[in-house]
C-alpha atoms as a PDB file:
ATOM      1  CA  MET A   1     -24.304   1.379 -13.665  1.00  0.00           C
ATOM      2  CA  THR A   2     -27.546  -0.888 -12.838  1.00  0.00           C
ATOM      3  CA  ILE A   3     -28.324  -3.113 -10.004  1.00  0.00           C
ATOM      4  CA  ASN A   4     -29.742  -6.497 -10.773  1.00  0.00           C
ATOM      5  CA  GLN A   5     -30.833  -9.301  -8.516  1.00  0.00           C
ATOM      6  CA  SER A   6     -27.956 -11.540  -9.228  1.00  0.00           C
ATOM      7  CA  HIS A   7     -24.878  -9.473  -8.773  1.00  0.00           C
ATOM      8  CA  GLN A   8     -24.925  -7.083  -5.403  1.00  0.00           C
ATOM      9  CA  PRO A   9     -22.422  -4.334  -6.786  1.00  0.00           C
ATOM     10  CA  ILE A  10     -19.685  -3.665  -4.320  1.00  0.00           C
ATOM     11  CA  ALA A  11     -18.396  -0.162  -3.707  1.00  0.00           C
ATOM     12  CA  VAL A  12     -14.557   0.175  -2.352  1.00  0.00           C
ATOM     13  CA  VAL A  13     -14.280   3.875  -0.568  1.00  0.00           C
ATOM     14  CA  LYS A  14     -11.211   5.781   0.274  1.00  0.00           C
ATOM     15  CA  VAL A  15     -11.551   8.267   3.207  1.00  0.00           C
ATOM     16  CA  GLY A  16      -8.338  10.450   4.052  1.00  0.00           C
ATOM     17  CA  GLY A  17      -7.645  11.875   7.232  1.00  0.00           C
ATOM     18  CA  ASP A  18      -7.668  15.024   5.445  1.00  0.00           C
ATOM     19  CA  VAL A  19     -11.599  15.482   4.788  1.00  0.00           C
ATOM     20  CA  LEU A  20     -12.189  13.477   8.479  1.00  0.00           C
ATOM     21  CA  GLN A  21     -11.718  16.488  10.351  1.00  0.00           C
ATOM     22  CA  GLY A  22     -14.747  18.391   9.588  1.00  0.00           C
ATOM     23  CA  GLU A  23     -17.933  17.747  10.916  1.00  0.00           C
ATOM     24  CA  VAL A  24     -19.525  18.165   7.801  1.00  0.00           C
ATOM     25  CA  GLU A  25     -17.565  15.623   5.940  1.00  0.00           C
ATOM     26  CA  ARG A  26     -17.662  13.188   8.488  1.00  0.00           C
ATOM     27  CA  SER A  27     -21.415  13.353   8.797  1.00  0.00           C
ATOM     28  CA  GLY A  28     -21.432  13.477   4.656  1.00  0.00           C
ATOM     29  CA  ILE A  29     -19.479  10.403   4.386  1.00  0.00           C
ATOM     30  CA  ALA A  30     -21.894   8.374   7.029  1.00  0.00           C
ATOM     31  CA  ALA A  31     -25.102  10.088   4.844  1.00  0.00           C
ATOM     32  CA  ASN A  32     -23.664   8.906   1.467  1.00  0.00           C
ATOM     33  CA  VAL A  33     -22.611   5.251   2.367  1.00  0.00           C
ATOM     34  CA  LYS A  34     -26.068   5.358   3.922  1.00  0.00           C
ATOM     35  CA  ASP A  35     -27.286   6.152   0.354  1.00  0.00           C
ATOM     36  CA  LEU A  36     -25.480   3.381  -1.472  1.00  0.00           C
ATOM     37  CA  VAL A  37     -26.449   0.683   1.161  1.00  0.00           C
ATOM     38  CA  ASP A  38     -30.234   1.333   0.930  1.00  0.00           C
ATOM     39  CA  ALA A  39     -29.750   1.248  -2.726  1.00  0.00           C
ATOM     40  CA  GLY A  40     -28.073  -2.218  -2.389  1.00  0.00           C
ATOM     41  CA  TRP A  41     -24.883  -1.706  -2.868  1.00  0.00           C
ATOM     42  CA  ARG A  42     -22.082  -3.549  -0.270  1.00  0.00           C
ATOM     43  CA  VAL A  43     -19.436  -1.252   0.549  1.00  0.00           C
ATOM     44  CA  VAL A  44     -15.942  -1.668   2.156  1.00  0.00           C
ATOM     45  CA  LEU A  45     -14.329   1.688   3.137  1.00  0.00           C
ATOM     46  CA  LEU A  46     -10.912   1.715   3.821  1.00  0.00           C
ATOM     47  CA  HIS A  47      -9.415   5.203   5.473  1.00  0.00           C
ATOM     48  CA  GLY A  48      -6.317   7.107   6.657  1.00  0.00           C
ATOM     49  CA  GLY A  49      -5.639   9.344   9.451  1.00  0.00           C
ATOM     50  CA  GLY A  50      -2.296  11.537   8.364  1.00  0.00           C
ATOM     51  CA  PRO A  51      -3.290  14.817  10.349  1.00  0.00           C
ATOM     52  CA  GLN A  52      -4.639  13.450  13.487  1.00  0.00           C
ATOM     53  CA  VAL A  53      -1.260  11.164  13.550  1.00  0.00           C
ATOM     54  CA  ASN A  54       0.696  14.211  13.104  1.00  0.00           C
ATOM     55  CA  ALA A  55      -1.525  16.100  15.880  1.00  0.00           C
ATOM     56  CA  LEU A  56      -0.861  13.200  18.378  1.00  0.00           C
ATOM     57  CA  GLN A  57       2.762  13.073  17.514  1.00  0.00           C
ATOM     58  CA  GLU A  58       2.910  16.685  18.562  1.00  0.00           C
ATOM     59  CA  LYS A  59       1.259  15.939  21.686  1.00  0.00           C
ATOM     60  CA  HIS A  60       3.532  13.215  22.003  1.00  0.00           C
ATOM     61  CA  GLY A  61       6.377  15.429  21.138  1.00  0.00           C
ATOM     62  CA  LEU A  62       7.374  13.454  18.137  1.00  0.00           C
ATOM     63  CA  VAL A  63       8.228  15.643  14.966  1.00  0.00           C
ATOM     64  CA  PRO A  64       6.633  14.492  11.901  1.00  0.00           C
ATOM     65  CA  ASN A  65       9.642  13.377   9.506  1.00  0.00           C
ATOM     66  CA  LYS A  66       8.678  13.296   5.728  1.00  0.00           C
ATOM     67  CA  VAL A  67      10.900  12.560   2.862  1.00  0.00           C
ATOM     68  CA  ALA A  68       9.408  13.020  -0.827  1.00  0.00           C
ATOM     69  CA  GLY A  69       6.057  13.302   0.919  1.00  0.00           C
ATOM     70  CA  ARG A  70       6.603  10.116   2.086  1.00  0.00           C
ATOM     71  CA  ARG A  71       6.188   9.428   5.996  1.00  0.00           C
ATOM     72  CA  ILE A  72       9.089   7.661   7.992  1.00  0.00           C
ATOM     73  CA  THR A  73       7.984   5.937  10.862  1.00  0.00           C
ATOM     74  CA  SER A  74       9.913   5.034  13.736  1.00  0.00           C
ATOM     75  CA  GLU A  75       8.810   2.354  16.348  1.00  0.00           C
ATOM     76  CA  ALA A  76       8.035   5.230  18.365  1.00  0.00           C
ATOM     77  CA  ASP A  77       5.948   6.701  15.502  1.00  0.00           C
ATOM     78  CA  LEU A  78       4.005   3.395  14.762  1.00  0.00           C
ATOM     79  CA  LEU A  79       2.546   3.735  18.173  1.00  0.00           C
ATOM     80  CA  VAL A  80       1.201   6.813  17.721  1.00  0.00           C
ATOM     81  CA  VAL A  81      -0.031   5.649  14.413  1.00  0.00           C
ATOM     82  CA  LYS A  82      -1.961   3.006  16.047  1.00  0.00           C
ATOM     83  CA  GLN A  83      -3.404   5.410  18.275  1.00  0.00           C
ATOM     84  CA  ALA A  84      -4.579   8.104  16.115  1.00  0.00           C
ATOM     85  CA  ILE A  85      -5.900   5.874  12.634  1.00  0.00           C
ATOM     86  CA  CYS A  86      -7.052   2.610  15.159  1.00  0.00           C
ATOM     87  CA  GLY A  87      -8.308   4.326  18.190  1.00  0.00           C
ATOM     88  CA  GLU A  88      -9.171   8.206  17.099  1.00  0.00           C
ATOM     89  CA  VAL A  89     -10.189   8.072  13.665  1.00  0.00           C
ATOM     90  CA  ASN A  90     -11.405   4.590  13.012  1.00  0.00           C
ATOM     91  CA  VAL A  91     -13.806   4.339  16.316  1.00  0.00           C
ATOM     92  CA  SER A  92     -15.296   7.984  15.355  1.00  0.00           C
ATOM     93  CA  LEU A  93     -15.499   7.049  11.816  1.00  0.00           C
ATOM     94  CA  ALA A  94     -17.774   3.746  12.901  1.00  0.00           C
ATOM     95  CA  GLN A  95     -19.837   6.017  14.994  1.00  0.00           C
ATOM     96  CA  GLU A  96     -20.825   8.062  12.577  1.00  0.00           C
ATOM     97  CA  LEU A  97     -21.962   5.567   9.987  1.00  0.00           C
ATOM     98  CA  GLN A  98     -23.732   3.490  13.516  1.00  0.00           C
ATOM     99  CA  GLN A  99     -25.734   6.720  14.135  1.00  0.00           C
ATOM    100  CA  VAL A 100     -27.254   7.032  10.519  1.00  0.00           C
ATOM    101  CA  GLY A 101     -28.171   3.513  11.093  1.00  0.00           C
ATOM    102  CA  VAL A 102     -25.277   1.407   8.511  1.00  0.00           C
ATOM    103  CA  ASN A 103     -23.766  -1.536  10.630  1.00  0.00           C
ATOM    104  CA  ALA A 104     -20.206  -0.379  10.502  1.00  0.00           C
ATOM    105  CA  PHE A 105     -17.725  -3.124  11.367  1.00  0.00           C
ATOM    106  CA  ALA A 106     -14.549  -1.096  12.425  1.00  0.00           C
ATOM    107  CA  CYS A 107     -11.330  -2.955  12.219  1.00  0.00           C
ATOM    108  CA  ASN A 108      -7.807  -2.826  11.086  1.00  0.00           C
ATOM    109  CA  GLY A 109      -5.563  -4.241   8.216  1.00  0.00           C
ATOM    110  CA  ALA A 110      -4.250  -6.837  10.666  1.00  0.00           C
ATOM    111  CA  SER A 111      -7.645  -7.733  11.803  1.00  0.00           C
ATOM    112  CA  GLY A 112      -7.964 -11.813  10.244  1.00  0.00           C
ATOM    113  CA  LYS A 113      -4.874 -10.707   8.129  1.00  0.00           C
ATOM    114  CA  LEU A 114      -7.183  -8.489   5.759  1.00  0.00           C
ATOM    115  CA  VAL A 115      -4.340  -7.064   4.624  1.00  0.00           C
ATOM    116  CA  THR A 116      -0.482  -8.278   4.848  1.00  0.00           C
ATOM    117  CA  ALA A 117       2.541  -6.964   3.924  1.00  0.00           C
ATOM    118  CA  THR A 118       6.305  -7.346   3.949  1.00  0.00           C
ATOM    119  CA  LYS A 119       8.771  -3.923   5.051  1.00  0.00           C
ATOM    120  CA  ARG A 120       9.233  -1.532   2.778  1.00  0.00           C
ATOM    121  CA  PRO A 121      13.097  -1.674   1.445  1.00  0.00           C
ATOM    122  CA  PRO A 122      15.378   1.376   1.671  1.00  0.00           C
ATOM    123  CA  ARG A 123      14.881   3.154  -1.652  1.00  0.00           C
ATOM    124  CA  VAL A 124      16.167   5.992  -3.536  1.00  0.00           C
ATOM    125  CA  MET A 125      13.651   8.618  -3.720  1.00  0.00           C
ATOM    126  CA  SER A 126      12.880  11.329  -6.477  1.00  0.00           C
ATOM    127  CA  GLY A 127      14.047  14.515  -4.742  1.00  0.00           C
ATOM    128  CA  ALA A 128      15.398  12.986  -2.319  1.00  0.00           C
ATOM    129  CA  GLY A 129      19.225  12.634  -2.789  1.00  0.00           C
ATOM    130  CA  ASP A 130      20.912   9.637  -4.156  1.00  0.00           C
ATOM    131  CA  GLN A 131      20.949   7.167  -1.070  1.00  0.00           C
ATOM    132  CA  PRO A 132      18.442   4.931  -0.113  1.00  0.00           C
ATOM    133  CA  ILE A 133      15.459   6.162   2.438  1.00  0.00           C
ATOM    134  CA  ASP A 134      14.579   3.456   4.875  1.00  0.00           C
ATOM    135  CA  PHE A 135      11.228   4.181   5.959  1.00  0.00           C
ATOM    136  CA  GLY A 136      11.166   2.313   8.927  1.00  0.00           C
ATOM    137  CA  GLU A 137       8.167   0.547   9.999  1.00  0.00           C
ATOM    138  CA  VAL A 138       6.392   0.969   6.896  1.00  0.00           C
ATOM    139  CA  GLY A 139       4.987  -1.917   4.798  1.00  0.00           C
ATOM    140  CA  ASP A 140       4.173  -2.854   1.273  1.00  0.00           C
ATOM    141  CA  VAL A 141       1.034  -4.491   0.710  1.00  0.00           C
ATOM    142  CA  THR A 142       1.457  -8.233  -0.492  1.00  0.00           C
ATOM    143  CA  SER A 143      -2.366  -9.803  -0.255  1.00  0.00           C
ATOM    144  CA  VAL A 144      -5.616  -8.556   0.470  1.00  0.00           C
ATOM    145  CA  ASN A 145      -8.432 -11.266   2.238  1.00  0.00           C
ATOM    146  CA  ALA A 146     -10.925 -10.551  -0.348  1.00  0.00           C
ATOM    147  CA  GLU A 147     -12.680 -14.112   1.026  1.00  0.00           C
ATOM    148  CA  LEU A 148     -13.105 -12.362   4.502  1.00  0.00           C
ATOM    149  CA  LEU A 149     -13.997  -9.101   3.264  1.00  0.00           C
ATOM    150  CA  THR A 150     -16.761 -10.424   1.229  1.00  0.00           C
ATOM    151  CA  GLN A 151     -18.126 -12.488   4.219  1.00  0.00           C
ATOM    152  CA  LEU A 152     -18.107  -9.675   6.431  1.00  0.00           C
ATOM    153  CA  THR A 153     -20.034  -7.787   3.506  1.00  0.00           C
ATOM    154  CA  GLU A 154     -22.489 -10.591   2.853  1.00  0.00           C
ATOM    155  CA  LEU A 155     -23.674 -10.558   6.548  1.00  0.00           C
ATOM    156  CA  GLY A 156     -24.251  -7.082   6.321  1.00  0.00           C
ATOM    157  CA  LEU A 157     -21.483  -5.577   7.569  1.00  0.00           C
ATOM    158  CA  ILE A 158     -19.522  -2.843   6.132  1.00  0.00           C
ATOM    159  CA  PRO A 159     -15.795  -3.082   7.132  1.00  0.00           C
ATOM    160  CA  VAL A 160     -14.323   0.242   8.131  1.00  0.00           C
ATOM    161  CA  ILE A 161     -10.400  -0.391   7.738  1.00  0.00           C
ATOM    162  CA  ALA A 162      -7.578   1.662   9.352  1.00  0.00           C
ATOM    163  CA  THR A 163      -4.477   1.709   7.175  1.00  0.00           C
ATOM    164  CA  LEU A 164      -2.108  -1.182   8.780  1.00  0.00           C
ATOM    165  CA  GLY A 165      -0.778  -4.095   7.393  1.00  0.00           C
ATOM    166  CA  VAL A 166       0.620  -7.218   9.175  1.00  0.00           C
ATOM    167  CA  GLU A 167       3.015  -9.536   8.513  1.00  0.00           C
ATOM    168  CA  GLN A 168       2.119 -12.954   6.662  1.00  0.00           C
ATOM    169  CA  ASP A 169       4.310 -15.169   9.484  1.00  0.00           C
ATOM    170  CA  SER A 170       5.288 -12.996  12.430  1.00  0.00           C
ATOM    171  CA  GLY A 171       2.396 -10.921  13.017  1.00  0.00           C
ATOM    172  CA  ARG A 172       4.660  -7.403  12.898  1.00  0.00           C
ATOM    173  CA  ILE A 173       2.722  -4.611  12.033  1.00  0.00           C
ATOM    174  CA  PHE A 174       3.533  -1.747   9.238  1.00  0.00           C
ATOM    175  CA  ASN A 175       2.161   1.264   8.696  1.00  0.00           C
ATOM    176  CA  ILE A 176       1.022   1.228   4.745  1.00  0.00           C
ATOM    177  CA  ASN A 177      -0.011   3.674   2.259  1.00  0.00           C
ATOM    178  CA  ALA A 178      -4.097   4.133   1.898  1.00  0.00           C
ATOM    179  CA  ASP A 179      -3.791   5.393  -1.791  1.00  0.00           C
ATOM    180  CA  THR A 180      -2.264   2.067  -2.687  1.00  0.00           C
ATOM    181  CA  THR A 181      -4.056  -0.196  -0.058  1.00  0.00           C
ATOM    182  CA  VAL A 182      -7.584   1.081  -1.421  1.00  0.00           C
ATOM    183  CA  VAL A 183      -6.188  -0.240  -4.946  1.00  0.00           C
ATOM    184  CA  GLN A 184      -5.345  -3.185  -3.964  1.00  0.00           C
ATOM    185  CA  ILE A 185      -8.566  -4.145  -2.035  1.00  0.00           C
ATOM    186  CA  ALA A 186     -10.500  -2.502  -4.834  1.00  0.00           C
ATOM    187  CA  ARG A 187      -8.347  -5.038  -7.335  1.00  0.00           C
ATOM    188  CA  ALA A 188      -8.961  -8.251  -4.998  1.00  0.00           C
ATOM    189  CA  LEU A 189     -12.666  -7.647  -4.832  1.00  0.00           C
ATOM    190  CA  LYS A 190     -13.045  -6.893  -8.511  1.00  0.00           C
ATOM    191  CA  ALA A 191     -15.186  -3.773  -6.995  1.00  0.00           C
ATOM    192  CA  ASP A 192     -17.812  -2.414  -8.956  1.00  0.00           C
ATOM    193  CA  LEU A 193     -17.356   1.223  -8.168  1.00  0.00           C
ATOM    194  CA  LEU A 194     -13.655   2.807  -6.567  1.00  0.00           C
ATOM    195  CA  LEU A 195     -14.749   5.614  -4.784  1.00  0.00           C
ATOM    196  CA  LEU A 196     -11.988   8.380  -4.089  1.00  0.00           C
ATOM    197  CA  THR A 197     -13.047  11.222  -1.618  1.00  0.00           C
ATOM    198  CA  THR A 198     -11.401  14.218  -1.523  1.00  0.00           C
ATOM    199  CA  ALA A 199     -12.275  17.949  -0.258  1.00  0.00           C
ATOM    200  CA  VAL A 200     -12.435  19.076  -3.723  1.00  0.00           C
ATOM    201  CA  GLY A 201     -14.509  16.514  -4.585  1.00  0.00           C
ATOM    202  CA  ALA A 202     -13.936  16.359  -8.564  1.00  0.00           C
ATOM    203  CA  ILE A 203     -11.363  17.623 -11.059  1.00  0.00           C
ATOM    204  CA  TYR A 204     -11.721  21.226 -12.796  1.00  0.00           C
ATOM    205  CA  ARG A 205     -10.438  22.798 -15.536  1.00  0.00           C
ATOM    206  CA  GLU A 206     -10.433  25.845 -13.169  1.00  0.00           C
ATOM    207  CA  LEU A 207     -10.076  24.924  -9.445  1.00  0.00           C
ATOM    208  CA  GLY A 208     -13.008  26.759  -7.686  1.00  0.00           C
ATOM    209  CA  ASP A 209     -15.033  27.439 -11.051  1.00  0.00           C
ATOM    210  CA  GLU A 210     -17.862  24.800 -10.255  1.00  0.00           C
ATOM    211  CA  GLY A 211     -18.958  24.997 -14.235  1.00  0.00           C
ATOM    212  CA  THR A 212     -15.484  24.069 -14.995  1.00  0.00           C
ATOM    213  CA  ARG A 213     -16.065  20.504 -13.122  1.00  0.00           C
ATOM    214  CA  ILE A 214     -15.274  17.350 -15.704  1.00  0.00           C
ATOM    215  CA  ALA A 215     -18.085  14.620 -14.800  1.00  0.00           C
ATOM    216  CA  HIS A 216     -16.662  11.878 -16.613  1.00  0.00           C
ATOM    217  CA  VAL A 217     -13.347  10.758 -18.413  1.00  0.00           C
ATOM    218  CA  ASN A 218     -12.041   7.466 -20.026  1.00  0.00           C
ATOM    219  CA  GLU A 219      -8.622   6.208 -19.130  1.00  0.00           C
ATOM    220  CA  GLN A 220      -6.975   8.397 -22.454  1.00  0.00           C
ATOM    221  CA  GLU A 221      -7.978  11.567 -21.627  1.00  0.00           C
ATOM    222  CA  ALA A 222      -7.500  11.024 -17.768  1.00  0.00           C
ATOM    223  CA  ARG A 223      -3.740  10.704 -18.997  1.00  0.00           C
ATOM    224  CA  ALA A 224      -3.860  13.784 -21.000  1.00  0.00           C
ATOM    225  CA  LEU A 225      -5.611  15.789 -17.759  1.00  0.00           C
ATOM    226  CA  ILE A 226      -2.696  14.390 -16.107  1.00  0.00           C
ATOM    227  CA  ASN A 227      -0.071  15.919 -18.983  1.00  0.00           C
ATOM    228  CA  GLU A 228      -1.703  19.201 -19.241  1.00  0.00           C
ATOM    229  CA  GLY A 229      -1.540  20.076 -15.969  1.00  0.00           C
ATOM    230  CA  VAL A 230      -5.180  20.037 -15.015  1.00  0.00           C
ATOM    231  CA  ILE A 231      -4.844  17.420 -12.685  1.00  0.00           C
ATOM    232  CA  GLN A 232      -1.807  18.068 -10.363  1.00  0.00           C
ATOM    233  CA  GLY A 233      -0.026  18.103  -7.029  1.00  0.00           C
ATOM    234  CA  GLY A 234      -0.907  14.824  -4.830  1.00  0.00           C
ATOM    235  CA  MET A 235      -4.122  14.134  -7.249  1.00  0.00           C
ATOM    236  CA  ILE A 236      -1.636  12.759  -9.872  1.00  0.00           C
ATOM    237  CA  PRO A 237      -0.580  10.105  -7.958  1.00  0.00           C
ATOM    238  CA  LYS A 238      -4.448   8.775  -6.492  1.00  0.00           C
ATOM    239  CA  VAL A 239      -5.787   8.812 -10.126  1.00  0.00           C
ATOM    240  CA  GLU A 240      -2.378   6.834 -11.168  1.00  0.00           C
ATOM    241  CA  GLU A 241      -2.881   3.907  -8.852  1.00  0.00           C
ATOM    242  CA  ALA A 242      -6.770   4.095  -9.453  1.00  0.00           C
ATOM    243  CA  LEU A 243      -6.394   3.697 -12.672  1.00  0.00           C
ATOM    244  CA  SER A 244      -4.072   0.953 -12.851  1.00  0.00           C
ATOM    245  CA  VAL A 245      -7.214  -1.182 -11.690  1.00  0.00           C
ATOM    246  CA  LEU A 246      -9.548  -0.434 -15.103  1.00  0.00           C
ATOM    247  CA  ALA A 247      -8.065  -3.086 -16.380  1.00  0.00           C
ATOM    248  CA  ASP A 248      -8.319  -5.668 -13.634  1.00  0.00           C
ATOM    249  CA  GLY A 249     -12.316  -5.821 -13.185  1.00  0.00           C
ATOM    250  CA  VAL A 250     -12.696  -2.801 -11.499  1.00  0.00           C
ATOM    251  CA  LYS A 251     -15.177  -0.909 -13.578  1.00  0.00           C
ATOM    252  CA  ASN A 252     -15.520   2.485 -12.726  1.00  0.00           C
ATOM    253  CA  ILE A 253     -13.533   4.746 -10.555  1.00  0.00           C
ATOM    254  CA  ALA A 254     -15.017   8.360  -9.160  1.00  0.00           C
ATOM    255  CA  ILE A 255     -13.543  11.380  -7.192  1.00  0.00           C
ATOM    256  CA  VAL A 256     -15.986  13.015  -5.025  1.00  0.00           C
ATOM    257  CA  GLY A 257     -16.591  14.820  -2.030  1.00  0.00           C
ATOM    258  CA  PRO A 258     -18.176  13.408   0.948  1.00  0.00           C
ATOM    259  CA  GLN A 259     -19.920  16.605   2.210  1.00  0.00           C
ATOM    260  CA  ILE A 260     -21.862  16.735  -1.170  1.00  0.00           C
ATOM    261  CA  LYS A 261     -25.269  14.945  -0.707  1.00  0.00           C
ATOM    262  CA  GLY A 262     -26.073  12.279  -2.791  1.00  0.00           C
ATOM    263  CA  ALA A 263     -22.698  12.427  -4.277  1.00  0.00           C
ATOM    264  CA  PHE A 264     -21.634   8.590  -3.596  1.00  0.00           C
ATOM    265  CA  LEU A 265     -24.923   7.313  -5.257  1.00  0.00           C
ATOM    266  CA  ASP A 266     -25.005  10.086  -8.175  1.00  0.00           C
ATOM    267  CA  VAL A 267     -21.316   8.644  -9.212  1.00  0.00           C
ATOM    268  CA  ALA A 268     -22.609   5.136  -8.819  1.00  0.00           C
ATOM    269  CA  LEU A 269     -25.446   5.077 -10.930  1.00  0.00           C
ATOM    270  CA  GLY A 270     -23.557   7.363 -13.718  1.00  0.00           C
ATOM    271  CA  ASN A 271     -25.787  10.200 -13.574  1.00  0.00           C
ATOM    272  CA  GLY A 272     -22.881  12.984 -13.851  1.00  0.00           C
ATOM    273  CA  ASP A 273     -24.146  15.192 -11.828  1.00  0.00           C
ATOM    274  CA  LYS A 274     -21.695  15.520  -9.153  1.00  0.00           C
ATOM    275  CA  GLY A 275     -18.234  14.560  -8.738  1.00  0.00           C
ATOM    276  CA  THR A 276     -15.919  13.245 -11.668  1.00  0.00           C
ATOM    277  CA  ARG A 277     -16.313   9.329 -12.697  1.00  0.00           C
ATOM    278  CA  ILE A 278     -13.285   7.640 -14.688  1.00  0.00           C
ATOM    279  CA  SER A 279     -13.861   4.760 -16.784  1.00  0.00           C
ATOM    280  CA  LEU A 280     -12.341   2.669 -19.499  1.00  0.00           C
END
């Protein structure tokens, strides 16, 4: 992948709350984003904050409630979600970026209607019985304000978006899924690169054995790795969601570790020395 003067490439980065708990990871994200910016890339960053929400819920005497791995969000829970991801996580991540000279623009999906959503209807979930589950104040993304995101990046800003959505007409706020939302953002922007950060930092044939890192796979190979059980657990929905955008103008996807120096730019340039890159 090369950078040319007629098209300043854009990378969309998803950061999970799990990789924001350590100082090494937080500073690593900032350093890696700076590498991309210095190399001429525009960057949009979306983050979650599940562990931080759980910790704040416990302080408020609330018990995290999940069904089939998905969070049920009551009105009281939504208040905590706002406080944790828009307060603690969003501001801290913007601070890390500002400290390395990256002009972060801290915001959330309700800002400028960056991410609109509608309430998720009750649905039957695999492994949760035959009765529909009402997820409460949880929304499904209906649109992304790509024009506003593009304008922000053209001003030299790095949008740092907390995963909330807003209903188009009512202004009602919803908790939304970060993995699903980042794919929608990448699709809307026709991003040159979608980066999914994980603590592991790549796909390995043998987890824990650096020598088995898979540097690059195409879509067919990625699906085969899922069937073989090499890609497993929580990585499966991440990869499946990401694969859905390859045919929609997003050229490359990469799984990287934010704590690994130079990882973002390495996969952006297709060097193959870090992470795992997925393309058509």
